[in-house]
């Protein structure tokens, strides 16, 4: 399904009675991070994703960065109650025979794309997350955006 965005949908002028409105094209991690954070500062947000199915099976294992934890904290995810991954203390390199060649301290939490995506999408909700939508064009109206 194609989506055309009228010029006033992309950016609207702030007013006391109507919050700003953002349209985010791409509902993967970047779009969900941006959308949830914009909501935290009072914006209305719609996210449009071309895939008709969830993106929870994309990506692989990743290291949980402090910035992700900060976003989770800001959007209300109780990181003390949710299993966010598997903690590791050391980075270990093995020789061909299986013996430890190098062991270095590297405290981290190993997590997954799926866990981060599912958490963000759950917090953002489905009402303003539009799947199976392809951007066909954007129109700009000089009166719809102001510095």
C-alpha atoms as a PDB file:
ATOM      1  CA  UNK A   1       0.000   0.000   0.000  1.00  0.00           C
ATOM      2  CA  UNK A   2       1.408   3.406  -0.964  1.00  0.00           C
ATOM      3  CA  UNK A   3       1.243   6.344   1.360  1.00  0.00           C
ATOM      4  CA  UNK A   4       1.242   9.963   0.307  1.00  0.00           C
ATOM      5  CA  UNK A   5       1.928  12.482   2.998  1.00  0.00           C
ATOM      6  CA  UNK A   6       0.277  15.868   2.752  1.00  0.00           C
ATOM      7  CA  UNK A   7       2.632  18.712   3.495  1.00  0.00           C
ATOM      8  CA  UNK A   8       1.067  19.490   6.862  1.00  0.00           C
ATOM      9  CA  UNK A   9       1.600  15.913   8.098  1.00  0.00           C
ATOM     10  CA  UNK A  10       5.383  15.986   8.070  1.00  0.00           C
ATOM     11  CA  UNK A  11       5.950  19.019  10.276  1.00  0.00           C
ATOM     12  CA  UNK A  12       3.351  21.201  11.879  1.00  0.00           C
ATOM     13  CA  UNK A  13       3.768  24.533  13.572  1.00  0.00           C
ATOM     14  CA  UNK A  14       3.592  24.431  17.353  1.00  0.00           C
ATOM     15  CA  UNK A  15       0.541  25.898  18.969  1.00  0.00           C
ATOM     16  CA  UNK A  16      -0.762  25.862  22.511  1.00  0.00           C
ATOM     17  CA  UNK A  17      -3.714  23.666  21.520  1.00  0.00           C
ATOM     18  CA  UNK A  18      -1.934  21.233  19.182  1.00  0.00           C
ATOM     19  CA  UNK A  19       1.373  19.449  19.786  1.00  0.00           C
ATOM     20  CA  UNK A  20       3.972  19.072  17.056  1.00  0.00           C
ATOM     21  CA  UNK A  21       3.545  16.092  14.750  1.00  0.00           C
ATOM     22  CA  UNK A  22       6.352  13.959  13.314  1.00  0.00           C
ATOM     23  CA  UNK A  23       6.147  11.351  10.603  1.00  0.00           C
ATOM     24  CA  UNK A  24       8.946   8.802  10.680  1.00  0.00           C
ATOM     25  CA  UNK A  25       9.632   6.707   7.610  1.00  0.00           C
ATOM     26  CA  UNK A  26      11.126   3.392   8.691  1.00  0.00           C
ATOM     27  CA  UNK A  27       9.925   1.411  11.681  1.00  0.00           C
ATOM     28  CA  UNK A  28      13.094  -0.414  12.569  1.00  0.00           C
ATOM     29  CA  UNK A  29      15.251   0.368  15.600  1.00  0.00           C
ATOM     30  CA  UNK A  30      16.178   3.895  14.504  1.00  0.00           C
ATOM     31  CA  UNK A  31      12.574   4.852  13.775  1.00  0.00           C
ATOM     32  CA  UNK A  32      11.348   3.373  17.047  1.00  0.00           C
ATOM     33  CA  UNK A  33      14.085   5.071  19.076  1.00  0.00           C
ATOM     34  CA  UNK A  34      13.272   8.428  17.447  1.00  0.00           C
ATOM     35  CA  UNK A  35       9.515   7.944  17.772  1.00  0.00           C
ATOM     36  CA  UNK A  36       9.563   6.979  21.438  1.00  0.00           C
ATOM     37  CA  UNK A  37      11.904   9.820  22.361  1.00  0.00           C
ATOM     38  CA  UNK A  38       9.858  12.424  20.447  1.00  0.00           C
ATOM     39  CA  UNK A  39       6.776  11.252  22.316  1.00  0.00           C
ATOM     40  CA  UNK A  40       8.605  11.768  25.591  1.00  0.00           C
ATOM     41  CA  UNK A  41       8.958  15.468  24.788  1.00  0.00           C
ATOM     42  CA  UNK A  42       5.319  15.858  23.785  1.00  0.00           C
ATOM     43  CA  UNK A  43       5.202  15.236  20.043  1.00  0.00           C
ATOM     44  CA  UNK A  44       2.508  13.253  18.245  1.00  0.00           C
ATOM     45  CA  UNK A  45       4.322  10.624  16.172  1.00  0.00           C
ATOM     46  CA  UNK A  46       3.361   8.258  13.376  1.00  0.00           C
ATOM     47  CA  UNK A  47       5.821   5.634  12.136  1.00  0.00           C
ATOM     48  CA  UNK A  48       5.449   4.076   8.691  1.00  0.00           C
ATOM     49  CA  UNK A  49       7.195   0.773   7.905  1.00  0.00           C
ATOM     50  CA  UNK A  50       7.177  -0.880   4.476  1.00  0.00           C
ATOM     51  CA  UNK A  51       7.351  -4.423   5.849  1.00  0.00           C
ATOM     52  CA  UNK A  52       3.918  -5.880   6.535  1.00  0.00           C
ATOM     53  CA  UNK A  53       5.348  -8.174   9.208  1.00  0.00           C
ATOM     54  CA  UNK A  54       7.162  -7.439  12.445  1.00  0.00           C
ATOM     55  CA  UNK A  55      10.902  -6.913  12.260  1.00  0.00           C
ATOM     56  CA  UNK A  56      11.587  -8.873  15.439  1.00  0.00           C
ATOM     57  CA  UNK A  57      13.510 -11.644  13.676  1.00  0.00           C
ATOM     58  CA  UNK A  58      15.996  -9.291  12.010  1.00  0.00           C
ATOM     59  CA  UNK A  59      19.493  -8.645  13.216  1.00  0.00           C
ATOM     60  CA  UNK A  60      21.625 -10.710  15.526  1.00  0.00           C
ATOM     61  CA  UNK A  61      23.235 -10.569  18.892  1.00  0.00           C
ATOM     62  CA  UNK A  62      24.506  -7.181  19.961  1.00  0.00           C
ATOM     63  CA  UNK A  63      26.085  -5.596  23.001  1.00  0.00           C
ATOM     64  CA  UNK A  64      23.647  -3.605  25.110  1.00  0.00           C
ATOM     65  CA  UNK A  65      24.972  -0.043  25.093  1.00  0.00           C
ATOM     66  CA  UNK A  66      24.462   2.434  27.965  1.00  0.00           C
ATOM     67  CA  UNK A  67      22.531   4.735  25.621  1.00  0.00           C
ATOM     68  CA  UNK A  68      19.942   2.010  25.016  1.00  0.00           C
ATOM     69  CA  UNK A  69      19.473   1.607  28.750  1.00  0.00           C
ATOM     70  CA  UNK A  70      19.022   5.381  29.065  1.00  0.00           C
ATOM     71  CA  UNK A  71      16.330   5.410  26.351  1.00  0.00           C
ATOM     72  CA  UNK A  72      14.574   2.491  28.050  1.00  0.00           C
ATOM     73  CA  UNK A  73      14.694   4.363  31.359  1.00  0.00           C
ATOM     74  CA  UNK A  74      13.264   7.525  29.763  1.00  0.00           C
ATOM     75  CA  UNK A  75      10.369   5.704  28.076  1.00  0.00           C
ATOM     76  CA  UNK A  76       9.384   3.926  31.257  1.00  0.00           C
ATOM     77  CA  UNK A  77      10.841   0.438  30.809  1.00  0.00           C
ATOM     78  CA  UNK A  78      11.688  -0.961  34.243  1.00  0.00           C
ATOM     79  CA  UNK A  79      15.138  -2.300  33.415  1.00  0.00           C
ATOM     80  CA  UNK A  80      15.437  -3.844  36.874  1.00  0.00           C
ATOM     81  CA  UNK A  81      12.485  -6.162  36.197  1.00  0.00           C
ATOM     82  CA  UNK A  82      13.221  -7.126  32.603  1.00  0.00           C
ATOM     83  CA  UNK A  83      15.842  -9.626  31.469  1.00  0.00           C
ATOM     84  CA  UNK A  84      17.761  -7.478  29.008  1.00  0.00           C
ATOM     85  CA  UNK A  85      20.350 -10.046  28.030  1.00  0.00           C
ATOM     86  CA  UNK A  86      23.169 -12.193  29.297  1.00  0.00           C
ATOM     87  CA  UNK A  87      25.932 -10.524  31.296  1.00  0.00           C
ATOM     88  CA  UNK A  88      29.542 -11.379  30.515  1.00  0.00           C
ATOM     89  CA  UNK A  89      32.601 -10.469  32.548  1.00  0.00           C
ATOM     90  CA  UNK A  90      35.534 -11.438  30.344  1.00  0.00           C
ATOM     91  CA  UNK A  91      36.452 -11.655  26.694  1.00  0.00           C
ATOM     92  CA  UNK A  92      38.132 -15.023  26.103  1.00  0.00           C
ATOM     93  CA  UNK A  93      40.164 -16.129  23.078  1.00  0.00           C
ATOM     94  CA  UNK A  94      40.790 -19.859  22.724  1.00  0.00           C
ATOM     95  CA  UNK A  95      43.628 -21.701  20.976  1.00  0.00           C
ATOM     96  CA  UNK A  96      42.919 -24.451  18.441  1.00  0.00           C
ATOM     97  CA  UNK A  97      43.194 -27.058  21.212  1.00  0.00           C
ATOM     98  CA  UNK A  98      40.531 -25.268  23.296  1.00  0.00           C
ATOM     99  CA  UNK A  99      42.897 -23.859  25.893  1.00  0.00           C
ATOM    100  CA  UNK A 100      42.526 -20.219  26.942  1.00  0.00           C
ATOM    101  CA  UNK A 101      44.961 -18.040  25.023  1.00  0.00           C
ATOM    102  CA  UNK A 102      43.780 -14.642  26.244  1.00  0.00           C
ATOM    103  CA  UNK A 103      41.354 -13.574  28.956  1.00  0.00           C
ATOM    104  CA  UNK A 104      40.613  -9.864  29.324  1.00  0.00           C
ATOM    105  CA  UNK A 105      38.064  -8.050  31.467  1.00  0.00           C
ATOM    106  CA  UNK A 106      35.182  -6.870  29.270  1.00  0.00           C
ATOM    107  CA  UNK A 107      32.032  -6.498  31.358  1.00  0.00           C
ATOM    108  CA  UNK A 108      29.048  -6.237  29.001  1.00  0.00           C
ATOM    109  CA  UNK A 109      25.551  -7.474  28.495  1.00  0.00           C
ATOM    110  CA  UNK A 110      24.913  -9.452  25.324  1.00  0.00           C
ATOM    111  CA  UNK A 111      21.403  -8.842  24.029  1.00  0.00           C
ATOM    112  CA  UNK A 112      19.479  -9.273  20.803  1.00  0.00           C
ATOM    113  CA  UNK A 113      17.976  -7.140  18.090  1.00  0.00           C
ATOM    114  CA  UNK A 114      14.668  -8.863  18.777  1.00  0.00           C
ATOM    115  CA  UNK A 115      14.578  -7.883  22.447  1.00  0.00           C
ATOM    116  CA  UNK A 116      15.333  -4.216  21.749  1.00  0.00           C
ATOM    117  CA  UNK A 117      12.871  -4.032  18.817  1.00  0.00           C
ATOM    118  CA  UNK A 118      10.076  -5.806  20.699  1.00  0.00           C
ATOM    119  CA  UNK A 119      10.539  -3.627  23.782  1.00  0.00           C
ATOM    120  CA  UNK A 120      10.493  -0.377  21.791  1.00  0.00           C
ATOM    121  CA  UNK A 121       7.522  -1.451  19.676  1.00  0.00           C
ATOM    122  CA  UNK A 122       5.574  -2.505  22.754  1.00  0.00           C
ATOM    123  CA  UNK A 123       6.142   0.875  24.395  1.00  0.00           C
ATOM    124  CA  UNK A 124       5.352   2.798  21.181  1.00  0.00           C
ATOM    125  CA  UNK A 125       2.166   0.801  20.595  1.00  0.00           C
ATOM    126  CA  UNK A 126       0.431  -0.193  17.405  1.00  0.00           C
ATOM    127  CA  UNK A 127      -2.063   2.643  16.930  1.00  0.00           C
ATOM    128  CA  UNK A 128       0.505   4.955  15.308  1.00  0.00           C
ATOM    129  CA  UNK A 129       2.835   2.260  13.923  1.00  0.00           C
ATOM    130  CA  UNK A 130       1.709   1.613  10.346  1.00  0.00           C
ATOM    131  CA  UNK A 131       3.032  -1.546   8.704  1.00  0.00           C
ATOM    132  CA  UNK A 132       2.919  -2.472   5.025  1.00  0.00           C
ATOM    133  CA  UNK A 133       3.078   1.162   3.923  1.00  0.00           C
ATOM    134  CA  UNK A 134       5.453   2.440   1.226  1.00  0.00           C
ATOM    135  CA  UNK A 135       6.230   6.134   0.869  1.00  0.00           C
ATOM    136  CA  UNK A 136       5.328   7.213  -2.665  1.00  0.00           C
ATOM    137  CA  UNK A 137       6.049  10.941  -2.486  1.00  0.00           C
ATOM    138  CA  UNK A 138       6.330  13.949  -0.202  1.00  0.00           C
ATOM    139  CA  UNK A 139       5.062  17.431  -0.912  1.00  0.00           C
ATOM    140  CA  UNK A 140       6.510  20.533   0.695  1.00  0.00           C
ATOM    141  CA  UNK A 141       4.419  23.566   1.489  1.00  0.00           C
ATOM    142  CA  UNK A 142       6.476  26.626   2.461  1.00  0.00           C
ATOM    143  CA  UNK A 143       3.845  27.609   5.025  1.00  0.00           C
ATOM    144  CA  UNK A 144       3.839  24.303   6.920  1.00  0.00           C
ATOM    145  CA  UNK A 145       7.313  24.502   8.473  1.00  0.00           C
ATOM    146  CA  UNK A 146       8.718  27.437  10.385  1.00  0.00           C
ATOM    147  CA  UNK A 147      12.063  27.947  12.121  1.00  0.00           C
END
